[in-house]
Amino acid sequence: TPTSEVTLFCSTNFVKNGDLELGLASYWAAWGSGLEVVTGFGDTGYALKATGRDSWNRGMAQELDPSCLEAGTTWRFQARVKLQDENGHNGITSCNPSNTTSHDCPMIRLLTRKGNNDHFDLIRAHDMVWDANGWNEFDAFLQMTDKNTGSDVTLMLLLFIGGPENSVLTVDDVIVEKLEEWETPTSSPSISPVPTIRDTTSCERNLVINGDAELESTTGW
């Protein structure tokens, strides 16, 4: 039925190619940076690296389907992340996840657009245990409000940013999911397995990402 189809879609991972196992940067776009597919977490598979970042707010982006956005719902954002110097050798030691004002840690900026108005949510993983020389588990939650939800939302853009100027940001195993009412942020505090129904889409929606090129970039192509 239509109801079960929507429920299935809204319970999946909204990120496409989040584990980069395609070996390509498909569905991802540069956000003021250069992108490169590199060896992934555990020295297996692939990950996505953003280089040439002249500011903390540069990185990588992916457009997500906004149709499941609903005020009052909680969304979970997970990934494996690491930061290195501009040469890609030394880890960034200045990252302190508990610092609420510093930009020296990996973070997510979620952009939602209503008409000509853009709304930004800055998502930080304050409980992340930072390993300057290795991979780190980014795990954070965001409760949606009237400002970033509604049938008039025309764009939902996931941005991975953060880190000192010219630092190299690498991301792997990205999951963005809408939690059910019975789920809580403390029910599974660590990186959870990739949902088995990931990348499931409704057969009644446009399957083309960024088909109107309104992002003014090649996101999704």
Protein backbone atom coordinates (compact mmCIF):
# COMPACT_ATOMS: atom_id res chain seq x y z
CA THR A 1 0.00 0.00 0.00
CA PRO A 2 1.11 3.64 -0.37
CA THR A 3 1.41 3.97 3.42
CA SER A 4 3.84 1.05 3.81
CA GLU A 5 5.87 2.29 0.85
CA VAL A 6 6.42 5.70 2.44
CA THR A 7 7.25 4.08 5.77
CA LEU A 8 9.86 1.89 4.08
CA PHE A 9 11.42 4.82 2.28
CA CYS A 10 11.57 7.00 5.40
CA SER A 11 13.30 4.22 7.36
CA THR A 12 16.23 3.86 5.00
CA ASN A 13 19.63 5.53 4.73
CA PHE A 14 19.08 8.77 2.83
CA VAL A 15 22.70 8.95 1.68
CA LYS A 16 23.60 7.35 -1.63
CA ASN A 17 27.04 5.80 -1.99
CA GLY A 18 27.76 6.65 1.64
CA ASP A 19 30.34 3.87 1.93
CA LEU A 20 31.98 4.80 -1.41
CA GLU A 21 32.06 1.13 -2.32
CA LEU A 22 31.35 2.10 -5.92
CA GLY A 23 34.96 3.25 -6.00
CA LEU A 24 33.65 6.50 -7.45
CA ALA A 25 32.43 9.79 -5.99
CA SER A 26 28.99 9.27 -7.51
CA TYR A 27 26.21 11.37 -5.87
CA TRP A 28 28.81 13.52 -4.09
CA ALA A 29 29.91 17.01 -5.13
CA ALA A 30 32.79 19.24 -4.15
CA TRP A 31 31.91 22.15 -1.87
CA GLY A 32 34.75 24.60 -2.44
CA SER A 33 37.28 21.77 -2.53
CA GLY A 34 38.76 19.02 -4.62
CA LEU A 35 37.48 15.46 -4.20
CA GLU A 36 39.43 12.22 -4.36
CA VAL A 37 38.43 8.60 -3.72
CA VAL A 38 40.96 6.96 -1.38
CA THR A 39 41.37 3.85 0.76
CA GLY A 40 38.59 3.61 3.33
CA PHE A 41 38.19 2.75 7.00
CA GLY A 42 40.17 -0.28 8.12
CA ASP A 43 42.39 0.02 5.04
CA THR A 44 39.67 -1.64 2.99
CA GLY A 45 37.17 -0.35 0.49
CA TYR A 46 36.98 3.34 -0.30
CA ALA A 47 36.45 6.73 1.32
CA LEU A 48 36.05 10.29 0.05
CA LYS A 49 38.73 12.93 0.66
CA ALA A 50 38.27 16.71 0.34
CA THR A 51 41.44 18.70 -0.36
CA GLY A 52 42.31 22.30 -1.19
CA ARG A 53 39.96 23.62 1.48
CA ASP A 54 40.84 27.27 2.09
CA SER A 55 38.25 27.55 4.88
CA TRP A 56 36.65 25.38 7.55
CA ASN A 57 33.31 25.58 5.73
CA ARG A 58 34.54 23.82 2.60
CA GLY A 59 34.23 20.10 2.00
CA MET A 60 31.80 17.78 0.26
CA ALA A 61 28.05 17.76 -0.37
CA GLN A 62 25.17 15.49 -1.29
CA GLU A 63 21.56 16.39 -2.01
CA LEU A 64 19.08 14.32 0.02
CA ASP A 65 15.39 13.68 -0.55
CA PRO A 66 13.43 16.10 1.71
CA SER A 67 10.06 14.36 1.46
CA CYS A 68 10.35 12.68 4.89
CA LEU A 69 11.20 15.88 6.79
CA GLU A 70 8.70 16.44 9.60
CA ALA A 71 8.78 18.86 12.52
CA GLY A 72 9.43 17.12 15.84
CA THR A 73 11.17 14.11 14.33
CA THR A 74 14.74 13.22 15.27
CA TRP A 75 17.38 12.45 12.66
CA ARG A 76 20.66 10.65 13.20
CA PHE A 77 23.89 11.50 11.35
CA GLN A 78 26.74 8.99 11.39
CA ALA A 79 30.08 8.71 9.63
CA ARG A 80 33.70 7.81 10.06
CA VAL A 81 35.88 10.88 9.74
CA LYS A 82 39.49 11.97 9.96
CA LEU A 83 41.46 15.19 9.53
CA GLN A 84 45.03 15.61 8.33
CA ASP A 85 47.30 18.51 7.44
CA GLU A 86 47.35 19.85 3.89
CA ASN A 87 49.99 17.28 2.91
CA GLY A 88 47.81 14.44 4.15
CA HIS A 89 50.42 13.20 6.60
CA ASN A 90 49.99 14.52 10.15
CA GLY A 91 46.70 14.34 12.04
CA ILE A 92 44.97 17.47 13.35
CA THR A 93 45.51 17.73 17.10
CA SER A 94 43.54 20.96 17.64
CA CYS A 95 40.16 19.23 17.32
CA ASN A 96 38.30 19.26 20.65
CA PRO A 97 34.78 17.87 20.09
CA SER A 98 33.50 19.31 23.38
CA ASN A 99 34.35 22.85 22.25
CA THR A 100 31.10 24.38 21.00
CA THR A 101 32.66 27.34 19.19
CA SER A 102 35.78 25.93 17.50
CA HIS A 103 35.70 24.96 13.83
CA ASP A 104 38.68 22.59 14.09
CA CYS A 105 36.61 19.38 14.16
CA PRO A 106 34.64 17.63 11.41
CA MET A 107 31.00 18.67 11.45
CA ILE A 108 27.89 18.67 9.32
CA ARG A 109 26.02 21.65 7.97
CA LEU A 110 22.49 20.79 6.88
CA LEU A 111 20.98 23.20 4.38
CA THR A 112 17.22 23.27 3.81
CA ARG A 113 15.63 25.68 1.36
CA LYS A 114 12.13 27.12 1.33
CA GLY A 115 11.56 29.36 -1.66
CA ASN A 116 14.46 31.80 -1.68
CA ASN A 117 15.27 31.29 2.01
CA ASP A 118 18.08 28.98 3.11
CA HIS A 119 18.19 27.59 6.64
CA PHE A 120 21.39 26.09 8.08
CA ASP A 121 21.75 23.68 10.99
CA LEU A 122 25.28 23.08 12.29
CA ILE A 123 25.57 19.52 13.61
CA ARG A 124 28.47 18.62 15.90
CA ALA A 125 29.41 15.33 17.54
CA HIS A 126 30.32 16.61 21.00
CA ASP A 127 30.82 13.13 22.46
CA MET A 128 33.23 12.01 19.76
CA VAL A 129 36.49 10.64 21.18
CA TRP A 130 39.09 12.30 18.96
CA ASP A 131 42.03 10.33 17.59
CA ALA A 132 44.18 12.79 15.67
CA ASN A 133 45.95 10.05 13.76
CA GLY A 134 43.08 7.72 12.97
CA TRP A 135 39.44 7.33 12.07
CA ASN A 136 36.79 8.76 14.38
CA GLU A 137 33.13 7.90 14.87
CA PHE A 138 30.89 10.89 14.17
CA ASP A 139 27.46 10.31 15.71
CA ALA A 140 25.01 13.17 16.24
CA PHE A 141 21.30 13.88 16.36
CA LEU A 142 19.09 16.74 15.19
CA GLN A 143 15.46 17.38 16.05
CA MET A 144 13.66 18.95 13.12
CA THR A 145 11.60 22.12 13.54
CA ASP A 146 9.21 24.19 11.46
CA LYS A 147 12.23 26.07 10.12
CA ASN A 148 13.68 23.09 8.27
CA THR A 149 10.60 21.02 7.41
CA GLY A 150 7.38 21.31 5.45
CA SER A 151 5.99 20.54 2.01
CA ASP A 152 7.58 23.74 0.73
CA VAL A 153 11.15 22.52 1.33
CA THR A 154 12.70 22.30 -2.14
CA LEU A 155 16.26 21.39 -1.19
CA MET A 156 17.96 19.33 1.54
CA LEU A 157 21.74 19.43 1.25
CA LEU A 158 24.17 17.49 3.46
CA LEU A 159 27.55 19.20 3.84
CA PHE A 160 30.60 17.65 5.50
CA ILE A 161 32.89 20.48 6.62
CA GLY A 162 35.10 21.51 9.55
CA GLY A 163 38.79 21.53 10.34
CA PRO A 164 41.56 24.12 10.16
CA GLU A 165 42.23 26.03 6.96
CA ASN A 166 43.81 23.80 4.28
CA SER A 167 43.28 20.63 6.30
CA VAL A 168 42.28 17.44 4.49
CA LEU A 169 38.89 15.95 5.46
CA THR A 170 38.17 12.27 4.75
CA VAL A 171 34.76 10.64 5.22
CA ASP A 172 33.49 7.05 5.05
CA ASP A 173 30.41 5.00 6.00
CA VAL A 174 27.96 7.91 5.98
CA ILE A 175 24.45 7.22 7.28
CA VAL A 176 21.58 9.69 7.63
CA GLU A 177 18.35 8.25 8.95
CA LYS A 178 15.07 9.41 10.38
CA LEU A 179 14.46 7.73 13.75
CA GLU A 180 11.19 6.08 14.61
CA GLU A 181 9.27 7.34 17.65
CA TRP A 182 10.41 4.37 19.76
CA GLU A 183 14.06 5.04 19.03
CA THR A 184 16.09 7.35 21.26
CA PRO A 185 19.57 8.89 20.89
CA THR A 186 20.83 6.62 23.69
CA SER A 187 19.46 3.38 22.28
CA SER A 188 22.51 2.77 20.04
CA PRO A 189 25.23 5.32 20.72
CA SER A 190 27.88 3.78 18.46
CA ILE A 191 28.06 3.40 14.70
CA SER A 192 25.19 1.13 13.72
CA PRO A 193 25.21 -1.35 10.82
CA VAL A 194 24.17 -0.02 7.45
CA PRO A 195 20.41 -0.64 7.11
CA THR A 196 19.62 -3.58 4.86
CA ILE A 197 16.96 -1.49 3.08
CA ARG A 198 19.36 1.34 2.23
CA ASP A 199 18.92 3.12 -1.09
CA THR A 200 15.31 1.98 -1.34
CA THR A 201 13.28 4.65 -3.10
CA SER A 202 9.62 5.21 -3.78
CA CYS A 203 8.58 4.13 -7.27
CA GLU A 204 6.29 7.16 -7.45
CA ARG A 205 8.96 9.86 -6.97
CA ASN A 206 11.49 11.34 -9.35
CA LEU A 207 14.53 9.05 -9.18
CA VAL A 208 16.86 11.67 -10.65
CA ILE A 209 18.97 13.63 -8.16
CA ASN A 210 19.47 17.31 -9.07
CA GLY A 211 17.60 16.86 -12.35
CA ASP A 212 16.91 20.58 -12.61
CA ALA A 213 20.54 21.49 -11.79
CA GLU A 214 19.31 24.08 -9.28
CA LEU A 215 22.36 23.35 -7.12
CA GLU A 216 24.43 24.98 -9.87
CA SER A 217 26.80 22.01 -9.62
CA THR A 218 27.08 18.43 -10.90
CA THR A 219 25.71 16.92 -7.68
CA GLY A 220 24.11 13.58 -8.49
CA TRP A 221 25.55 13.44 -12.02
